[in-house]
N, C-alpha and C. Protein backbone atom coordinates (compact mmCIF):
# COMPACT_ATOMS: atom_id res chain seq x y z
N UNK A 1 0.84 -1.19 0.00
CA UNK A 1 0.00 0.00 0.00
C UNK A 1 0.88 1.24 0.00
N UNK A 2 0.34 2.29 -0.59
CA UNK A 2 1.08 3.54 -0.72
C UNK A 2 0.22 4.70 -0.25
N UNK A 3 0.89 5.76 0.18
CA UNK A 3 0.21 6.99 0.56
C UNK A 3 1.01 8.18 0.05
N UNK A 4 0.36 9.32 -0.02
CA UNK A 4 1.08 10.53 -0.41
C UNK A 4 0.35 11.75 0.13
N UNK A 5 1.10 12.83 0.27
CA UNK A 5 0.53 14.09 0.73
C UNK A 5 1.31 15.23 0.09
N UNK A 6 0.60 16.28 -0.25
CA UNK A 6 1.25 17.47 -0.82
C UNK A 6 0.78 18.69 -0.04
N UNK A 7 1.71 19.62 0.19
CA UNK A 7 1.40 20.86 0.89
C UNK A 7 1.82 22.02 0.00
N UNK A 8 0.87 22.88 -0.33
CA UNK A 8 1.13 24.13 -1.04
C UNK A 8 1.72 25.07 -0.01
N UNK A 9 3.02 25.30 -0.06
CA UNK A 9 3.71 26.07 0.98
C UNK A 9 3.25 27.52 1.06
N UNK A 10 2.92 28.12 -0.07
CA UNK A 10 2.44 29.50 -0.04
C UNK A 10 1.07 29.59 0.62
N UNK A 11 0.20 28.66 0.33
CA UNK A 11 -1.12 28.64 0.96
C UNK A 11 -1.01 28.32 2.45
N UNK A 12 -0.15 27.40 2.80
CA UNK A 12 0.04 27.04 4.21
C UNK A 12 0.50 28.26 5.02
N UNK A 13 1.36 29.08 4.44
CA UNK A 13 1.81 30.31 5.11
C UNK A 13 0.65 31.24 5.43
N UNK A 14 -0.29 31.32 4.50
CA UNK A 14 -1.42 32.23 4.65
C UNK A 14 -2.49 31.66 5.57
N UNK A 15 -2.79 30.37 5.42
CA UNK A 15 -3.93 29.78 6.12
C UNK A 15 -3.63 29.23 7.51
N UNK A 16 -2.38 28.97 7.81
CA UNK A 16 -2.10 28.30 9.08
C UNK A 16 -1.11 29.11 9.91
N UNK A 17 -1.46 29.30 11.15
CA UNK A 17 -0.55 29.94 12.09
C UNK A 17 -0.10 28.89 13.09
N UNK A 18 0.87 28.07 12.68
CA UNK A 18 1.35 26.99 13.54
C UNK A 18 2.06 27.51 14.78
N UNK A 19 2.38 28.81 14.79
CA UNK A 19 3.08 29.38 15.94
C UNK A 19 2.13 29.82 17.06
N UNK A 20 0.82 29.71 16.82
CA UNK A 20 -0.11 30.12 17.88
C UNK A 20 0.00 29.16 19.06
N UNK A 21 -0.34 29.65 20.20
CA UNK A 21 -0.20 28.89 21.44
C UNK A 21 -0.98 27.57 21.39
N UNK A 22 -0.28 26.50 21.72
CA UNK A 22 -0.90 25.19 21.83
C UNK A 22 -0.99 24.39 20.54
N UNK A 23 -0.77 25.01 19.38
CA UNK A 23 -0.92 24.30 18.11
C UNK A 23 0.04 23.11 18.01
N UNK A 24 1.32 23.36 18.22
CA UNK A 24 2.30 22.29 18.08
C UNK A 24 2.06 21.16 19.08
N UNK A 25 1.60 21.52 20.28
CA UNK A 25 1.35 20.51 21.32
C UNK A 25 0.24 19.54 20.92
N UNK A 26 -0.68 19.96 20.08
CA UNK A 26 -1.78 19.09 19.63
C UNK A 26 -1.34 18.11 18.55
N UNK A 27 -0.29 18.44 17.82
CA UNK A 27 0.07 17.69 16.63
C UNK A 27 1.37 16.89 16.78
N UNK A 28 2.33 17.45 17.50
CA UNK A 28 3.69 16.89 17.50
C UNK A 28 4.14 16.46 18.90
N UNK A 29 4.92 15.37 18.94
CA UNK A 29 5.48 14.91 20.20
C UNK A 29 6.74 15.72 20.53
N UNK A 30 7.35 15.45 21.66
CA UNK A 30 8.50 16.23 22.12
C UNK A 30 9.67 16.16 21.15
N UNK A 31 9.97 14.99 20.61
CA UNK A 31 11.08 14.85 19.66
C UNK A 31 10.82 15.63 18.37
N UNK A 32 9.58 15.60 17.90
CA UNK A 32 9.23 16.33 16.69
C UNK A 32 9.33 17.84 16.93
N UNK A 33 8.90 18.29 18.09
CA UNK A 33 9.01 19.73 18.39
C UNK A 33 10.47 20.15 18.47
N UNK A 34 11.33 19.27 18.97
CA UNK A 34 12.76 19.56 18.99
C UNK A 34 13.30 19.72 17.57
N UNK A 35 12.85 18.85 16.65
CA UNK A 35 13.25 18.97 15.24
C UNK A 35 12.80 20.32 14.67
N UNK A 36 11.58 20.73 15.01
CA UNK A 36 11.04 21.99 14.51
C UNK A 36 11.84 23.17 15.02
N UNK A 37 12.05 23.22 16.34
CA UNK A 37 12.72 24.38 16.94
C UNK A 37 14.21 24.45 16.61
N UNK A 38 14.82 23.31 16.26
CA UNK A 38 16.24 23.33 15.92
C UNK A 38 16.49 23.41 14.42
N UNK A 39 15.43 23.40 13.63
CA UNK A 39 15.56 23.44 12.17
C UNK A 39 16.00 24.82 11.69
N UNK A 40 16.75 24.81 10.60
CA UNK A 40 17.14 26.06 9.96
C UNK A 40 15.90 26.80 9.46
N UNK A 41 14.90 26.05 9.00
CA UNK A 41 13.65 26.61 8.52
C UNK A 41 12.50 25.90 9.26
N UNK A 42 12.10 26.41 10.44
CA UNK A 42 11.06 25.74 11.23
C UNK A 42 9.73 25.58 10.49
N UNK A 43 9.38 26.56 9.66
CA UNK A 43 8.14 26.49 8.90
C UNK A 43 8.12 25.25 8.00
N UNK A 44 9.19 25.03 7.28
CA UNK A 44 9.27 23.85 6.41
C UNK A 44 9.28 22.56 7.20
N UNK A 45 9.93 22.56 8.37
CA UNK A 45 9.97 21.35 9.18
C UNK A 45 8.57 20.99 9.67
N UNK A 46 7.77 21.98 10.04
CA UNK A 46 6.39 21.72 10.45
C UNK A 46 5.66 21.00 9.33
N UNK A 47 5.76 21.51 8.11
CA UNK A 47 5.01 20.92 6.99
C UNK A 47 5.61 19.60 6.53
N UNK A 48 6.92 19.43 6.70
CA UNK A 48 7.53 18.14 6.39
C UNK A 48 6.97 17.06 7.33
N UNK A 49 7.00 17.32 8.62
CA UNK A 49 6.49 16.34 9.59
C UNK A 49 5.00 16.09 9.40
N UNK A 50 4.25 17.16 9.15
CA UNK A 50 2.81 17.02 8.91
C UNK A 50 2.56 16.13 7.68
N UNK A 51 3.29 16.39 6.61
CA UNK A 51 3.13 15.65 5.37
C UNK A 51 3.49 14.17 5.56
N UNK A 52 4.54 13.90 6.31
CA UNK A 52 4.92 12.52 6.60
C UNK A 52 3.79 11.81 7.34
N UNK A 53 3.22 12.47 8.34
CA UNK A 53 2.12 11.89 9.11
C UNK A 53 0.92 11.60 8.22
N UNK A 54 0.58 12.55 7.37
CA UNK A 54 -0.58 12.40 6.49
C UNK A 54 -0.39 11.24 5.50
N UNK A 55 0.78 11.16 4.88
CA UNK A 55 1.03 10.11 3.90
C UNK A 55 0.98 8.73 4.55
N UNK A 56 1.57 8.59 5.73
CA UNK A 56 1.55 7.31 6.44
C UNK A 56 0.15 6.98 6.94
N UNK A 57 -0.56 7.99 7.42
CA UNK A 57 -1.91 7.75 7.93
C UNK A 57 -2.83 7.20 6.84
N UNK A 58 -2.65 7.66 5.60
CA UNK A 58 -3.50 7.18 4.51
C UNK A 58 -3.34 5.67 4.31
N UNK A 59 -2.13 5.16 4.48
CA UNK A 59 -1.92 3.71 4.37
C UNK A 59 -2.52 3.02 5.59
N UNK A 60 -2.20 3.52 6.76
CA UNK A 60 -2.64 2.90 8.01
C UNK A 60 -4.16 2.82 8.07
N UNK A 61 -4.82 3.88 7.65
CA UNK A 61 -6.28 3.91 7.65
C UNK A 61 -6.85 2.84 6.72
N UNK A 62 -6.27 2.70 5.54
CA UNK A 62 -6.77 1.68 4.61
C UNK A 62 -6.51 0.27 5.12
N UNK A 63 -5.35 0.07 5.79
CA UNK A 63 -5.02 -1.26 6.31
C UNK A 63 -5.90 -1.65 7.49
N UNK A 64 -6.17 -0.70 8.37
CA UNK A 64 -6.87 -1.03 9.62
C UNK A 64 -8.35 -0.68 9.59
N UNK A 65 -8.74 0.24 8.73
CA UNK A 65 -10.12 0.72 8.73
C UNK A 65 -10.41 1.68 9.86
N UNK A 66 -9.39 2.01 10.64
CA UNK A 66 -9.57 2.92 11.78
C UNK A 66 -9.40 4.36 11.30
N UNK A 67 -10.44 5.17 11.53
CA UNK A 67 -10.37 6.60 11.21
C UNK A 67 -10.31 7.34 12.53
N UNK A 68 -9.19 7.95 12.77
CA UNK A 68 -8.99 8.62 14.05
C UNK A 68 -8.07 9.81 13.84
N UNK A 69 -8.49 10.97 14.35
CA UNK A 69 -7.62 12.14 14.29
C UNK A 69 -6.78 12.15 15.57
N UNK A 70 -5.60 11.61 15.48
CA UNK A 70 -4.70 11.54 16.62
C UNK A 70 -3.26 11.70 16.13
N UNK A 71 -2.90 12.89 15.64
CA UNK A 71 -1.59 13.07 15.01
C UNK A 71 -0.40 12.78 15.94
N UNK A 72 -0.59 12.91 17.25
CA UNK A 72 0.53 12.64 18.16
C UNK A 72 0.82 11.14 18.26
N UNK A 73 -0.12 10.29 17.82
CA UNK A 73 0.13 8.84 17.79
C UNK A 73 1.05 8.46 16.65
N UNK A 74 1.26 9.35 15.72
CA UNK A 74 2.11 9.12 14.57
C UNK A 74 3.45 9.78 14.85
N UNK A 75 4.46 8.97 15.16
CA UNK A 75 5.77 9.50 15.57
C UNK A 75 6.74 9.48 14.39
N UNK A 76 7.23 10.66 14.03
CA UNK A 76 8.14 10.80 12.89
C UNK A 76 9.60 10.83 13.34
N UNK A 77 10.44 10.23 12.52
CA UNK A 77 11.88 10.39 12.67
C UNK A 77 12.48 10.56 11.29
N UNK A 78 13.53 11.35 11.21
CA UNK A 78 14.17 11.64 9.93
C UNK A 78 15.44 10.82 9.80
N UNK A 79 15.66 10.30 8.60
CA UNK A 79 16.85 9.51 8.35
C UNK A 79 17.92 10.31 7.63
N UNK A 80 17.50 11.18 6.73
CA UNK A 80 18.44 11.92 5.91
C UNK A 80 17.73 13.16 5.43
N UNK A 81 18.42 14.28 5.45
CA UNK A 81 17.79 15.50 4.97
C UNK A 81 18.66 16.16 3.92
N UNK A 82 18.09 16.44 2.79
CA UNK A 82 18.74 17.14 1.68
C UNK A 82 17.61 17.60 0.78
N UNK A 83 17.79 17.51 -0.54
CA UNK A 83 16.68 17.81 -1.44
C UNK A 83 15.58 16.76 -1.27
N UNK A 84 15.99 15.53 -0.95
CA UNK A 84 15.04 14.47 -0.63
C UNK A 84 15.25 14.10 0.83
N UNK A 85 14.17 13.99 1.57
CA UNK A 85 14.26 13.64 2.97
C UNK A 85 13.61 12.28 3.18
N UNK A 86 14.37 11.37 3.75
CA UNK A 86 13.85 10.05 4.07
C UNK A 86 13.44 10.04 5.54
N UNK A 87 12.38 9.32 5.84
CA UNK A 87 11.92 9.28 7.21
C UNK A 87 11.15 8.01 7.51
N UNK A 88 10.77 7.89 8.77
CA UNK A 88 9.95 6.77 9.25
C UNK A 88 8.85 7.36 10.10
N UNK A 89 7.65 6.83 9.93
CA UNK A 89 6.52 7.18 10.78
C UNK A 89 6.08 5.90 11.50
N UNK A 90 6.05 5.97 12.81
CA UNK A 90 5.65 4.83 13.63
C UNK A 90 4.23 5.07 14.12
N UNK A 91 3.32 4.15 13.75
CA UNK A 91 1.94 4.23 14.21
C UNK A 91 1.62 2.92 14.91
N UNK A 92 1.45 2.96 16.21
CA UNK A 92 1.13 1.74 16.98
C UNK A 92 2.11 0.62 16.69
N UNK A 93 3.40 0.94 16.67
CA UNK A 93 4.49 -0.01 16.44
C UNK A 93 4.55 -0.56 15.00
N UNK A 94 3.81 0.04 14.09
CA UNK A 94 3.89 -0.31 12.67
C UNK A 94 4.67 0.80 11.99
N UNK A 95 5.69 0.43 11.22
CA UNK A 95 6.55 1.42 10.57
C UNK A 95 6.14 1.66 9.13
N UNK A 96 6.13 2.94 8.77
CA UNK A 96 5.89 3.36 7.39
C UNK A 96 7.08 4.22 6.98
N UNK A 97 7.61 3.94 5.81
CA UNK A 97 8.78 4.64 5.30
C UNK A 97 8.33 5.78 4.40
N UNK A 98 9.01 6.91 4.48
CA UNK A 98 8.62 8.08 3.71
C UNK A 98 9.80 8.65 2.93
N UNK A 99 9.46 9.31 1.84
CA UNK A 99 10.44 10.07 1.07
C UNK A 99 9.75 11.37 0.68
N UNK A 100 10.37 12.48 1.02
CA UNK A 100 9.77 13.80 0.78
C UNK A 100 10.68 14.63 -0.11
N UNK A 101 10.06 15.38 -1.01
CA UNK A 101 10.79 16.34 -1.83
C UNK A 101 10.22 17.72 -1.53
N UNK A 102 11.12 18.68 -1.49
CA UNK A 102 10.73 20.04 -1.11
C UNK A 102 11.30 21.01 -2.14
N UNK A 103 10.45 21.92 -2.59
CA UNK A 103 10.93 23.02 -3.41
C UNK A 103 10.29 24.30 -2.88
N UNK A 104 10.46 25.40 -3.56
CA UNK A 104 9.96 26.67 -3.03
C UNK A 104 8.43 26.76 -3.06
N UNK A 105 7.77 25.94 -3.87
CA UNK A 105 6.32 26.04 -4.03
C UNK A 105 5.55 25.00 -3.22
N UNK A 106 6.07 23.78 -3.14
CA UNK A 106 5.32 22.73 -2.45
C UNK A 106 6.27 21.72 -1.81
N UNK A 107 5.69 20.94 -0.93
CA UNK A 107 6.38 19.85 -0.27
C UNK A 107 5.54 18.59 -0.54
N UNK A 108 6.17 17.54 -1.01
CA UNK A 108 5.45 16.31 -1.35
C UNK A 108 6.09 15.12 -0.66
N UNK A 109 5.26 14.27 -0.05
CA UNK A 109 5.74 13.07 0.63
C UNK A 109 5.02 11.85 0.09
N UNK A 110 5.80 10.79 -0.15
CA UNK A 110 5.23 9.49 -0.47
C UNK A 110 5.55 8.55 0.69
N UNK A 111 4.71 7.54 0.87
CA UNK A 111 4.90 6.61 1.98
C UNK A 111 4.57 5.20 1.54
N UNK A 112 5.29 4.23 2.15
CA UNK A 112 5.06 2.82 1.88
C UNK A 112 5.40 2.03 3.13
N UNK A 113 4.79 0.87 3.27
CA UNK A 113 5.15 -0.01 4.39
C UNK A 113 6.39 -0.82 4.04
N UNK A 114 6.84 -0.74 2.80
CA UNK A 114 8.05 -1.46 2.34
C UNK A 114 9.04 -0.41 1.84
N UNK A 115 10.19 -0.31 2.51
CA UNK A 115 11.13 0.77 2.23
C UNK A 115 11.58 0.81 0.78
N UNK A 116 12.00 -0.31 0.21
CA UNK A 116 12.53 -0.29 -1.16
C UNK A 116 11.46 0.07 -2.19
N UNK A 117 10.19 -0.02 -1.83
CA UNK A 117 9.11 0.32 -2.76
C UNK A 117 9.07 1.82 -3.06
N UNK A 118 9.64 2.64 -2.17
CA UNK A 118 9.63 4.10 -2.38
C UNK A 118 10.27 4.49 -3.70
N UNK A 119 11.30 3.76 -4.12
CA UNK A 119 12.00 4.10 -5.36
C UNK A 119 11.24 3.66 -6.60
N UNK A 120 10.20 2.87 -6.43
CA UNK A 120 9.43 2.35 -7.56
C UNK A 120 8.14 3.13 -7.81
N UNK A 121 7.82 4.06 -6.94
CA UNK A 121 6.56 4.80 -7.05
C UNK A 121 6.66 5.84 -8.17
N UNK A 122 5.65 5.83 -9.03
CA UNK A 122 5.56 6.84 -10.10
C UNK A 122 4.75 8.01 -9.54
N UNK A 123 5.25 9.21 -9.70
CA UNK A 123 4.64 10.41 -9.15
C UNK A 123 4.27 11.37 -10.28
N UNK A 124 3.06 11.91 -10.21
CA UNK A 124 2.65 12.97 -11.13
C UNK A 124 2.12 14.13 -10.30
N UNK A 125 2.70 15.30 -10.47
CA UNK A 125 2.26 16.49 -9.74
C UNK A 125 1.83 17.54 -10.75
N UNK A 126 0.65 18.10 -10.52
CA UNK A 126 0.07 19.10 -11.43
C UNK A 126 -0.22 20.38 -10.66
N UNK A 127 -0.04 21.49 -11.34
CA UNK A 127 -0.37 22.79 -10.77
C UNK A 127 -1.61 23.33 -11.47
N UNK A 128 -2.55 23.85 -10.69
CA UNK A 128 -3.76 24.45 -11.25
C UNK A 128 -3.35 25.61 -12.15
N UNK A 129 -3.92 25.77 -13.30
CA UNK A 129 -5.12 25.15 -13.85
C UNK A 129 -4.85 23.92 -14.72
N UNK A 130 -3.68 23.32 -14.58
CA UNK A 130 -3.30 22.22 -15.46
C UNK A 130 -3.59 20.85 -14.87
N UNK A 131 -4.54 20.76 -13.94
CA UNK A 131 -4.96 19.46 -13.41
C UNK A 131 -5.73 18.72 -14.49
N UNK A 132 -5.42 17.46 -14.72
CA UNK A 132 -6.23 16.71 -15.68
C UNK A 132 -7.63 16.47 -15.11
N UNK A 133 -8.64 16.72 -15.90
CA UNK A 133 -10.01 16.56 -15.44
C UNK A 133 -10.35 15.09 -15.19
N UNK A 134 -9.74 14.22 -15.93
CA UNK A 134 -10.06 12.79 -15.84
C UNK A 134 -8.99 12.01 -15.06
N UNK A 135 -8.35 12.63 -14.08
CA UNK A 135 -7.24 11.97 -13.40
C UNK A 135 -7.65 10.66 -12.73
N UNK A 136 -8.91 10.52 -12.32
CA UNK A 136 -9.35 9.27 -11.69
C UNK A 136 -9.34 8.11 -12.68
N UNK A 137 -9.50 8.43 -13.96
CA UNK A 137 -9.46 7.39 -15.00
C UNK A 137 -8.06 6.76 -15.12
N UNK A 138 -7.03 7.46 -14.64
CA UNK A 138 -5.67 6.92 -14.70
C UNK A 138 -5.41 5.94 -13.55
N UNK A 139 -6.39 5.78 -12.67
CA UNK A 139 -6.35 4.84 -11.55
C UNK A 139 -5.14 5.02 -10.64
N UNK A 140 -4.98 6.21 -10.07
CA UNK A 140 -3.88 6.40 -9.12
C UNK A 140 -4.12 5.57 -7.86
N UNK A 141 -3.04 5.18 -7.22
CA UNK A 141 -3.12 4.43 -5.96
C UNK A 141 -3.54 5.36 -4.84
N UNK A 142 -3.08 6.60 -4.90
CA UNK A 142 -3.41 7.58 -3.87
C UNK A 142 -3.41 8.98 -4.49
N UNK A 143 -4.34 9.80 -4.03
CA UNK A 143 -4.50 11.17 -4.53
C UNK A 143 -4.35 12.13 -3.36
N UNK A 144 -3.66 13.23 -3.60
CA UNK A 144 -3.57 14.28 -2.58
C UNK A 144 -3.66 15.62 -3.30
N UNK A 145 -4.31 16.57 -2.66
CA UNK A 145 -4.35 17.91 -3.23
C UNK A 145 -4.37 18.93 -2.10
N UNK A 146 -3.74 20.04 -2.38
CA UNK A 146 -3.74 21.16 -1.45
C UNK A 146 -3.44 22.41 -2.25
N UNK A 147 -4.27 23.42 -2.08
CA UNK A 147 -4.07 24.68 -2.80
C UNK A 147 -4.06 24.45 -4.29
N UNK A 148 -2.97 24.88 -4.96
CA UNK A 148 -2.86 24.78 -6.41
C UNK A 148 -2.40 23.42 -6.89
N UNK A 149 -2.05 22.51 -5.99
CA UNK A 149 -1.35 21.30 -6.38
C UNK A 149 -2.17 20.02 -6.21
N UNK A 150 -1.99 19.15 -7.18
CA UNK A 150 -2.59 17.82 -7.19
C UNK A 150 -1.45 16.82 -7.37
N UNK A 151 -1.38 15.83 -6.46
CA UNK A 151 -0.34 14.81 -6.54
C UNK A 151 -1.00 13.44 -6.67
N UNK A 152 -0.57 12.71 -7.68
CA UNK A 152 -1.07 11.36 -7.93
C UNK A 152 0.12 10.40 -7.86
N UNK A 153 -0.09 9.23 -7.24
CA UNK A 153 0.98 8.24 -7.25
C UNK A 153 0.42 6.92 -7.78
N UNK A 154 1.32 6.19 -8.41
CA UNK A 154 0.98 4.93 -9.06
C UNK A 154 1.96 3.86 -8.63
């Protein structure tokens, strides 16, 4: 199973005030908050961790059928950070592997329960107004959209 999440960074800046009191405490555990506060770019780290949680949750939800908003139950750790960031999300002792790419416009994360599968995932990202109208006909494994961006994985 695969999951993916995309964050329109410009829209996230406008719509979300993650620095307001109590916000981080609702979403992130102590280790994740340490990553945020020690990051060169805390804003990007917030959205990286959020995106990792979302991509892994999409798999976990399909596997278990459990729908629960409990982001602190999803514990992120980073393996490598560069243009591509590898990570692990632990949900109830089940590990999901992630790979995230970040540019100035968006942040995109893919997730799999099998680490080597990350390199085999086909990714298509579209910017509005160039979203294909019939994208469901292409039978993507997972769909994510935020702001101007649509991400499909196969």
